[in-house]
Structure formats: C-alpha cells, structure tokens
Amino acid sequence: MKNVLIQEYIGRMTLTDVNNFALNNGIVLKEDELSLVYNHIIKNWRTVIYGNPRPILDDLKKNLDNVTYQKIETLYTQFKNRYL
C-alpha cells in the first residue's frame, strides 16, 4: 500500500514541485541541476528509499555544485533517519 501511494505521488510530481521543495529547504538549483535531480527521483525513487542510493548520490556529486550537493545529501540523510 505504501509503495502504491509513493508511486502515485511520484507520478504526479513536476519540476516545479521539486524546485519548490528545494527552495523551501535552502537549495537553489540551476535548470540543468533541477532536471538531473527530478529525473533521478522519477527513475530511481525505489532505490533511494529502499536500496543503496550511493551510485545516485555519486552521480549527483559529479554534476552539482559542491554546496548544493552537500545540502541535498544532508537533507536526504535527515529524511532517511526520520522515516526509518
């Protein structure tokens, strides 16, 4: 049931939703960075939630500004710890 709800939410998610979430958490994404993050969320949400997200985080680290990446990784860790 939980997977269905998450999948439905992800299916309706837009670039604007991701950008607004980022901005609300002090992360400013350039257009190409926003697309990269959005695409990882859409394609890899199961891995991010249930698996080993290290390859995804490594890809983000290579393609994002260092400060932006650090903020995203910190935010990911906070949410992961909150919902374990």
PDB file of N, CA and C in Angstrom:
ATOM      1  N   MET A   1       0.824  -1.196   0.000  1.00  0.00           N
ATOM      2  CA  MET A   1       0.000   0.000   0.000  1.00  0.00           C
ATOM      3  C   MET A   1       0.867   1.258   0.000  1.00  0.00           C
ATOM      4  N   LYS A   2       1.907   1.267   0.832  1.00  0.00           N
ATOM      5  CA  LYS A   2       2.794   2.420   0.915  1.00  0.00           C
ATOM      6  C   LYS A   2       3.456   2.686  -0.439  1.00  0.00           C
ATOM      7  N   ASN A   3       3.909   1.610  -1.109  1.00  0.00           N
ATOM      8  CA  ASN A   3       4.554   1.767  -2.416  1.00  0.00           C
ATOM      9  C   ASN A   3       3.611   2.365  -3.442  1.00  0.00           C
ATOM     10  N   VAL A   4       2.362   1.974  -3.401  1.00  0.00           N
ATOM     11  CA  VAL A   4       1.374   2.496  -4.344  1.00  0.00           C
ATOM     12  C   VAL A   4       1.187   3.994  -4.137  1.00  0.00           C
ATOM     13  N   LEU A   5       1.091   4.408  -2.893  1.00  0.00           N
ATOM     14  CA  LEU A   5       0.919   5.833  -2.597  1.00  0.00           C
ATOM     15  C   LEU A   5       2.127   6.642  -3.055  1.00  0.00           C
ATOM     16  N   ILE A   6       3.316   6.137  -2.781  1.00  0.00           N
ATOM     17  CA  ILE A   6       4.536   6.827  -3.204  1.00  0.00           C
ATOM     18  C   ILE A   6       4.599   6.890  -4.723  1.00  0.00           C
ATOM     19  N   GLN A   7       4.305   5.779  -5.386  1.00  0.00           N
ATOM     20  CA  GLN A   7       4.346   5.734  -6.838  1.00  0.00           C
ATOM     21  C   GLN A   7       3.354   6.725  -7.453  1.00  0.00           C
ATOM     22  N   GLU A   8       2.181   6.818  -6.896  1.00  0.00           N
ATOM     23  CA  GLU A   8       1.178   7.771  -7.383  1.00  0.00           C
ATOM     24  C   GLU A   8       1.665   9.214  -7.191  1.00  0.00           C
ATOM     25  N   TYR A   9       2.244   9.486  -6.046  1.00  0.00           N
ATOM     26  CA  TYR A   9       2.759  10.830  -5.769  1.00  0.00           C
ATOM     27  C   TYR A   9       3.878  11.184  -6.745  1.00  0.00           C
ATOM     28  N   ILE A  10       4.819  10.270  -6.922  1.00  0.00           N
ATOM     29  CA  ILE A  10       5.939  10.489  -7.837  1.00  0.00           C
ATOM     30  C   ILE A  10       5.419  10.692  -9.262  1.00  0.00           C
ATOM     31  N   GLY A  11       4.406   9.946  -9.646  1.00  0.00           N
ATOM     32  CA  GLY A  11       3.839  10.062 -10.985  1.00  0.00           C
ATOM     33  C   GLY A  11       3.225  11.418 -11.274  1.00  0.00           C
ATOM     34  N   ARG A  12       2.791  12.109 -10.243  1.00  0.00           N
ATOM     35  CA  ARG A  12       2.191  13.438 -10.413  1.00  0.00           C
ATOM     36  C   ARG A  12       3.193  14.566 -10.173  1.00  0.00           C
ATOM     37  N   MET A  13       4.381  14.234  -9.714  1.00  0.00           N
ATOM     38  CA  MET A  13       5.386  15.233  -9.372  1.00  0.00           C
ATOM     39  C   MET A  13       5.872  15.963 -10.623  1.00  0.00           C
ATOM     40  N   THR A  14       6.065  17.267 -10.479  1.00  0.00           N
ATOM     41  CA  THR A  14       6.540  18.095 -11.589  1.00  0.00           C
ATOM     42  C   THR A  14       7.890  18.717 -11.232  1.00  0.00           C
ATOM     43  N   LEU A  15       8.524  19.289 -12.232  1.00  0.00           N
ATOM     44  CA  LEU A  15       9.765  20.027 -11.985  1.00  0.00           C
ATOM     45  C   LEU A  15       9.527  21.161 -10.992  1.00  0.00           C
ATOM     46  N   THR A  16       8.381  21.800 -11.102  1.00  0.00           N
ATOM     47  CA  THR A  16       8.044  22.895 -10.193  1.00  0.00           C
ATOM     48  C   THR A  16       7.949  22.396  -8.754  1.00  0.00           C
ATOM     49  N   ASP A  17       7.372  21.224  -8.550  1.00  0.00           N
ATOM     50  CA  ASP A  17       7.280  20.652  -7.205  1.00  0.00           C
ATOM     51  C   ASP A  17       8.673  20.435  -6.609  1.00  0.00           C
ATOM     52  N   VAL A  18       9.568  19.870  -7.417  1.00  0.00           N
ATOM     53  CA  VAL A  18      10.924  19.601  -6.941  1.00  0.00           C
ATOM     54  C   VAL A  18      11.642  20.916  -6.655  1.00  0.00           C
ATOM     55  N   ASN A  19      11.493  21.878  -7.551  1.00  0.00           N
ATOM     56  CA  ASN A  19      12.141  23.168  -7.350  1.00  0.00           C
ATOM     57  C   ASN A  19      11.627  23.864  -6.093  1.00  0.00           C
ATOM     58  N   ASN A  20      10.317  23.851  -5.889  1.00  0.00           N
ATOM     59  CA  ASN A  20       9.743  24.482  -4.692  1.00  0.00           C
ATOM     60  C   ASN A  20      10.227  23.793  -3.422  1.00  0.00           C
ATOM     61  N   PHE A  21      10.293  22.464  -3.434  1.00  0.00           N
ATOM     62  CA  PHE A  21      10.796  21.735  -2.275  1.00  0.00           C
ATOM     63  C   PHE A  21      12.248  22.124  -1.995  1.00  0.00           C
ATOM     64  N   ALA A  22      13.039  22.192  -3.052  1.00  0.00           N
ATOM     65  CA  ALA A  22      14.443  22.577  -2.901  1.00  0.00           C
ATOM     66  C   ALA A  22      14.540  23.984  -2.317  1.00  0.00           C
ATOM     67  N   LEU A  23      13.823  24.927  -2.882  1.00  0.00           N
ATOM     68  CA  LEU A  23      13.868  26.301  -2.403  1.00  0.00           C
ATOM     69  C   LEU A  23      13.421  26.407  -0.950  1.00  0.00           C
ATOM     70  N   ASN A  24      12.388  25.664  -0.575  1.00  0.00           N
ATOM     71  CA  ASN A  24      11.909  25.675   0.810  1.00  0.00           C
ATOM     72  C   ASN A  24      12.935  25.112   1.783  1.00  0.00           C
ATOM     73  N   ASN A  25      13.901  24.374   1.245  1.00  0.00           N
ATOM     74  CA  ASN A  25      14.949  23.794   2.081  1.00  0.00           C
ATOM     75  C   ASN A  25      16.311  24.442   1.834  1.00  0.00           C
ATOM     76  N   GLY A  26      16.303  25.641   1.262  1.00  0.00           N
ATOM     77  CA  GLY A  26      17.528  26.419   1.089  1.00  0.00           C
ATOM     78  C   GLY A  26      18.435  25.946  -0.026  1.00  0.00           C
ATOM     79  N   ILE A  27      17.878  25.253  -1.010  1.00  0.00           N
ATOM     80  CA  ILE A  27      18.666  24.739  -2.129  1.00  0.00           C
ATOM     81  C   ILE A  27      18.202  25.429  -3.406  1.00  0.00           C
ATOM     82  N   VAL A  28      19.131  26.108  -4.069  1.00  0.00           N
ATOM     83  CA  VAL A  28      18.827  26.763  -5.333  1.00  0.00           C
ATOM     84  C   VAL A  28      19.434  25.915  -6.443  1.00  0.00           C
ATOM     85  N   LEU A  29      18.570  25.412  -7.319  1.00  0.00           N
ATOM     86  CA  LEU A  29      19.013  24.551  -8.409  1.00  0.00           C
ATOM     87  C   LEU A  29      18.974  25.299  -9.733  1.00  0.00           C
ATOM     88  N   LYS A  30      20.055  25.166 -10.500  1.00  0.00           N
ATOM     89  CA  LYS A  30      20.046  25.669 -11.876  1.00  0.00           C
ATOM     90  C   LYS A  30      19.146  24.749 -12.693  1.00  0.00           C
ATOM     91  N   GLU A  31      18.769  25.199 -13.874  1.00  0.00           N
ATOM     92  CA  GLU A  31      17.825  24.425 -14.692  1.00  0.00           C
ATOM     93  C   GLU A  31      18.323  23.009 -14.972  1.00  0.00           C
ATOM     94  N   ASP A  32      19.599  22.862 -15.331  1.00  0.00           N
ATOM     95  CA  ASP A  32      20.129  21.525 -15.625  1.00  0.00           C
ATOM     96  C   ASP A  32      20.225  20.674 -14.368  1.00  0.00           C
ATOM     97  N   GLU A  33      20.533  21.298 -13.237  1.00  0.00           N
ATOM     98  CA  GLU A  33      20.583  20.571 -11.966  1.00  0.00           C
ATOM     99  C   GLU A  33      19.194  20.093 -11.564  1.00  0.00           C
ATOM    100  N   LEU A  34      18.214  20.945 -11.767  1.00  0.00           N
ATOM    101  CA  LEU A  34      16.831  20.594 -11.452  1.00  0.00           C
ATOM    102  C   LEU A  34      16.388  19.388 -12.274  1.00  0.00           C
ATOM    103  N   SER A  35      16.699  19.398 -13.557  1.00  0.00           N
ATOM    104  CA  SER A  35      16.340  18.264 -14.421  1.00  0.00           C
ATOM    105  C   SER A  35      17.017  16.985 -13.970  1.00  0.00           C
ATOM    106  N   LEU A  36      18.274  17.081 -13.597  1.00  0.00           N
ATOM    107  CA  LEU A  36      19.016  15.910 -13.138  1.00  0.00           C
ATOM    108  C   LEU A  36      18.392  15.320 -11.873  1.00  0.00           C
ATOM    109  N   VAL A  37      18.122  16.164 -10.891  1.00  0.00           N
ATOM    110  CA  VAL A  37      17.526  15.710  -9.636  1.00  0.00           C
ATOM    111  C   VAL A  37      16.138  15.119  -9.894  1.00  0.00           C
ATOM    112  N   TYR A  38      15.339  15.819 -10.670  1.00  0.00           N
ATOM    113  CA  TYR A  38      13.985  15.345 -11.000  1.00  0.00           C
ATOM    114  C   TYR A  38      14.037  13.967 -11.661  1.00  0.00           C
ATOM    115  N   ASN A  39      14.899  13.808 -12.643  1.00  0.00           N
ATOM    116  CA  ASN A  39      14.999  12.531 -13.347  1.00  0.00           C
ATOM    117  C   ASN A  39      15.441  11.403 -12.420  1.00  0.00           C
ATOM    118  N   HIS A  40      16.350  11.676 -11.505  1.00  0.00           N
ATOM    119  CA  HIS A  40      16.752  10.649 -10.544  1.00  0.00           C
ATOM    120  C   HIS A  40      15.586  10.269  -9.631  1.00  0.00           C
ATOM    121  N   ILE A  41      14.821  11.251  -9.217  1.00  0.00           N
ATOM    122  CA  ILE A  41      13.669  10.958  -8.359  1.00  0.00           C
ATOM    123  C   ILE A  41      12.674  10.071  -9.109  1.00  0.00           C
ATOM    124  N   ILE A  42      12.328  10.456 -10.326  1.00  0.00           N
ATOM    125  CA  ILE A  42      11.331   9.729 -11.105  1.00  0.00           C
ATOM    126  C   ILE A  42      11.793   8.302 -11.410  1.00  0.00           C
ATOM    127  N   LYS A  43      13.046   8.148 -11.824  1.00  0.00           N
ATOM    128  CA  LYS A  43      13.537   6.842 -12.261  1.00  0.00           C
ATOM    129  C   LYS A  43      14.021   5.958 -11.107  1.00  0.00           C
ATOM    130  N   ASN A  44      14.483   6.558 -10.032  1.00  0.00           N
ATOM    131  CA  ASN A  44      15.191   5.788  -9.002  1.00  0.00           C
ATOM    132  C   ASN A  44      14.603   5.910  -7.604  1.00  0.00           C
ATOM    133  N   TRP A  45      13.342   6.277  -7.488  1.00  0.00           N
ATOM    134  CA  TRP A  45      12.804   6.505  -6.153  1.00  0.00           C
ATOM    135  C   TRP A  45      12.838   5.252  -5.285  1.00  0.00           C
ATOM    136  N   ARG A  46      12.643   4.089  -5.867  1.00  0.00           N
ATOM    137  CA  ARG A  46      12.681   2.850  -5.070  1.00  0.00           C
ATOM    138  C   ARG A  46      14.070   2.622  -4.483  1.00  0.00           C
ATOM    139  N   THR A  47      15.095   2.868  -5.291  1.00  0.00           N
ATOM    140  CA  THR A  47      16.472   2.708  -4.811  1.00  0.00           C
ATOM    141  C   THR A  47      16.773   3.725  -3.722  1.00  0.00           C
ATOM    142  N   VAL A  48      16.328   4.948  -3.921  1.00  0.00           N
ATOM    143  CA  VAL A  48      16.578   6.000  -2.929  1.00  0.00           C
ATOM    144  C   VAL A  48      15.927   5.646  -1.600  1.00  0.00           C
ATOM    145  N   ILE A  49      14.740   5.084  -1.634  1.00  0.00           N
ATOM    146  CA  ILE A  49      14.014   4.777  -0.404  1.00  0.00           C
ATOM    147  C   ILE A  49      14.453   3.445   0.200  1.00  0.00           C
ATOM    148  N   TYR A  50      14.568   2.417  -0.623  1.00  0.00           N
ATOM    149  CA  TYR A  50      14.755   1.066  -0.097  1.00  0.00           C
ATOM    150  C   TYR A  50      16.133   0.447  -0.348  1.00  0.00           C
ATOM    151  N   GLY A  51      16.884   0.996  -1.269  1.00  0.00           N
ATOM    152  CA  GLY A  51      18.138   0.349  -1.654  1.00  0.00           C
ATOM    153  C   GLY A  51      19.357   1.154  -1.267  1.00  0.00           C
ATOM    154  N   ASN A  52      20.406   0.964  -2.025  1.00  0.00           N
ATOM    155  CA  ASN A  52      21.662   1.671  -1.818  1.00  0.00           C
ATOM    156  C   ASN A  52      21.720   2.860  -2.778  1.00  0.00           C
ATOM    157  N   PRO A  53      21.521   4.079  -2.277  1.00  0.00           N
ATOM    158  CA  PRO A  53      21.487   5.240  -3.158  1.00  0.00           C
ATOM    159  C   PRO A  53      22.867   5.779  -3.506  1.00  0.00           C
ATOM    160  N   ARG A  54      23.933   5.140  -3.058  1.00  0.00           N
ATOM    161  CA  ARG A  54      25.287   5.671  -3.265  1.00  0.00           C
ATOM    162  C   ARG A  54      25.590   5.974  -4.728  1.00  0.00           C
ATOM    163  N   PRO A  55      25.284   5.087  -5.700  1.00  0.00           N
ATOM    164  CA  PRO A  55      25.567   5.435  -7.095  1.00  0.00           C
ATOM    165  C   PRO A  55      24.808   6.690  -7.557  1.00  0.00           C
ATOM    166  N   ILE A  56      23.602   6.869  -7.067  1.00  0.00           N
ATOM    167  CA  ILE A  56      22.815   8.051  -7.421  1.00  0.00           C
ATOM    168  C   ILE A  56      23.437   9.294  -6.812  1.00  0.00           C
ATOM    169  N   LEU A  57      23.797   9.204  -5.539  1.00  0.00           N
ATOM    170  CA  LEU A  57      24.441  10.331  -4.875  1.00  0.00           C
ATOM    171  C   LEU A  57      25.777  10.664  -5.528  1.00  0.00           C
ATOM    172  N   ASP A  58      26.522   9.651  -5.932  1.00  0.00           N
ATOM    173  CA  ASP A  58      27.802   9.883  -6.610  1.00  0.00           C
ATOM    174  C   ASP A  58      27.596  10.622  -7.928  1.00  0.00           C
ATOM    175  N   ASP A  59      26.550  10.251  -8.670  1.00  0.00           N
ATOM    176  CA  ASP A  59      26.256  10.946  -9.921  1.00  0.00           C
ATOM    177  C   ASP A  59      25.885  12.399  -9.651  1.00  0.00           C
ATOM    178  N   LEU A  60      25.078  12.626  -8.625  1.00  0.00           N
ATOM    179  CA  LEU A  60      24.719  13.995  -8.268  1.00  0.00           C
ATOM    180  C   LEU A  60      25.955  14.789  -7.865  1.00  0.00           C
ATOM    181  N   LYS A  61      26.836  14.168  -7.111  1.00  0.00           N
ATOM    182  CA  LYS A  61      28.044  14.848  -6.646  1.00  0.00           C
ATOM    183  C   LYS A  61      28.899  15.303  -7.830  1.00  0.00           C
ATOM    184  N   LYS A  62      28.969  14.477  -8.872  1.00  0.00           N
ATOM    185  CA  LYS A  62      29.757  14.824 -10.056  1.00  0.00           C
ATOM    186  C   LYS A  62      29.136  15.968 -10.851  1.00  0.00           C
ATOM    187  N   ASN A  63      27.824  16.099 -10.772  1.00  0.00           N
ATOM    188  CA  ASN A  63      27.123  17.022 -11.663  1.00  0.00           C
ATOM    189  C   ASN A  63      26.516  18.252 -11.000  1.00  0.00           C
ATOM    190  N   LEU A  64      26.648  18.360  -9.690  1.00  0.00           N
ATOM    191  CA  LEU A  64      26.093  19.503  -8.975  1.00  0.00           C
ATOM    192  C   LEU A  64      27.209  20.315  -8.341  1.00  0.00           C
ATOM    193  N   ASP A  65      26.914  21.561  -8.095  1.00  0.00           N
ATOM    194  CA  ASP A  65      27.796  22.411  -7.309  1.00  0.00           C
ATOM    195  C   ASP A  65      28.017  21.740  -5.955  1.00  0.00           C
ATOM    196  N   ASN A  66      29.220  21.855  -5.403  1.00  0.00           N
ATOM    197  CA  ASN A  66      29.558  21.168  -4.153  1.00  0.00           C
ATOM    198  C   ASN A  66      28.632  21.555  -3.001  1.00  0.00           C
ATOM    199  N   VAL A  67      28.330  22.842  -2.865  1.00  0.00           N
ATOM    200  CA  VAL A  67      27.446  23.295  -1.782  1.00  0.00           C
ATOM    201  C   VAL A  67      26.041  22.726  -1.972  1.00  0.00           C
ATOM    202  N   THR A  68      25.569  22.739  -3.194  1.00  0.00           N
ATOM    203  CA  THR A  68      24.240  22.192  -3.498  1.00  0.00           C
ATOM    204  C   THR A  68      24.195  20.708  -3.168  1.00  0.00           C
ATOM    205  N   TYR A  69      25.234  19.983  -3.584  1.00  0.00           N
ATOM    206  CA  TYR A  69      25.279  18.553  -3.302  1.00  0.00           C
ATOM    207  C   TYR A  69      25.264  18.290  -1.799  1.00  0.00           C
ATOM    208  N   GLN A  70      26.060  19.028  -1.045  1.00  0.00           N
ATOM    209  CA  GLN A  70      26.124  18.825   0.408  1.00  0.00           C
ATOM    210  C   GLN A  70      24.757  19.061   1.052  1.00  0.00           C
ATOM    211  N   LYS A  71      24.052  20.078   0.597  1.00  0.00           N
ATOM    212  CA  LYS A  71      22.715  20.355   1.140  1.00  0.00           C
ATOM    213  C   LYS A  71      21.750  19.211   0.821  1.00  0.00           C
ATOM    214  N   ILE A  72      21.820  18.702  -0.403  1.00  0.00           N
ATOM    215  CA  ILE A  72      20.941  17.596  -0.793  1.00  0.00           C
ATOM    216  C   ILE A  72      21.263  16.342   0.007  1.00  0.00           C
ATOM    217  N   GLU A  73      22.544  16.046   0.169  1.00  0.00           N
ATOM    218  CA  GLU A  73      22.921  14.854   0.927  1.00  0.00           C
ATOM    219  C   GLU A  73      22.490  14.970   2.390  1.00  0.00           C
ATOM    220  N   THR A  74      22.651  16.151   2.972  1.00  0.00           N
ATOM    221  CA  THR A  74      22.216  16.372   4.355  1.00  0.00           C
ATOM    222  C   THR A  74      20.707  16.212   4.472  1.00  0.00           C
ATOM    223  N   LEU A  75      19.980  16.779   3.542  1.00  0.00           N
ATOM    224  CA  LEU A  75      18.518  16.670   3.547  1.00  0.00           C
ATOM    225  C   LEU A  75      18.083  15.220   3.386  1.00  0.00           C
ATOM    226  N   TYR A  76      18.732  14.494   2.477  1.00  0.00           N
ATOM    227  CA  TYR A  76      18.419  13.073   2.283  1.00  0.00           C
ATOM    228  C   TYR A  76      18.632  12.304   3.588  1.00  0.00           C
ATOM    229  N   THR A  77      19.756  12.531   4.242  1.00  0.00           N
ATOM    230  CA  THR A  77      20.076  11.832   5.486  1.00  0.00           C
ATOM    231  C   THR A  77      19.055  12.149   6.574  1.00  0.00           C
ATOM    232  N   GLN A  78      18.668  13.410   6.678  1.00  0.00           N
ATOM    233  CA  GLN A  78      17.673  13.798   7.680  1.00  0.00           C
ATOM    234  C   GLN A  78      16.343  13.085   7.441  1.00  0.00           C
ATOM    235  N   PHE A  79      15.882  13.063   6.218  1.00  0.00           N
ATOM    236  CA  PHE A  79      14.612  12.402   5.917  1.00  0.00           C
ATOM    237  C   PHE A  79      14.709  10.885   6.075  1.00  0.00           C
ATOM    238  N   LYS A  80      15.823  10.319   5.658  1.00  0.00           N
ATOM    239  CA  LYS A  80      16.008   8.868   5.779  1.00  0.00           C
ATOM    240  C   LYS A  80      15.984   8.448   7.254  1.00  0.00           C
ATOM    241  N   ASN A  81      16.672   9.217   8.092  1.00  0.00           N
ATOM    242  CA  ASN A  81      16.695   8.913   9.522  1.00  0.00           C
ATOM    243  C   ASN A  81      15.321   9.129  10.172  1.00  0.00           C
ATOM    244  N   ARG A  82      14.594  10.104   9.717  1.00  0.00           N
ATOM    245  CA  ARG A  82      13.282  10.389  10.286  1.00  0.00           C
ATOM    246  C   ARG A  82      12.281   9.287   9.986  1.00  0.00           C
ATOM    247  N   TYR A  83      12.382   8.673   8.814  1.00  0.00           N
ATOM    248  CA  TYR A  83      11.371   7.705   8.395  1.00  0.00           C
ATOM    249  C   TYR A  83      11.814   6.253   8.416  1.00  0.00           C
ATOM    250  N   LEU A  84      12.934   5.971   9.057  1.00  0.00           N
ATOM    251  CA  LEU A  84      13.370   4.566   9.150  1.00  0.00           C
ATOM    252  C   LEU A  84      12.434   3.747  10.012  1.00  0.00           C
TER     253      LEU A  84
END
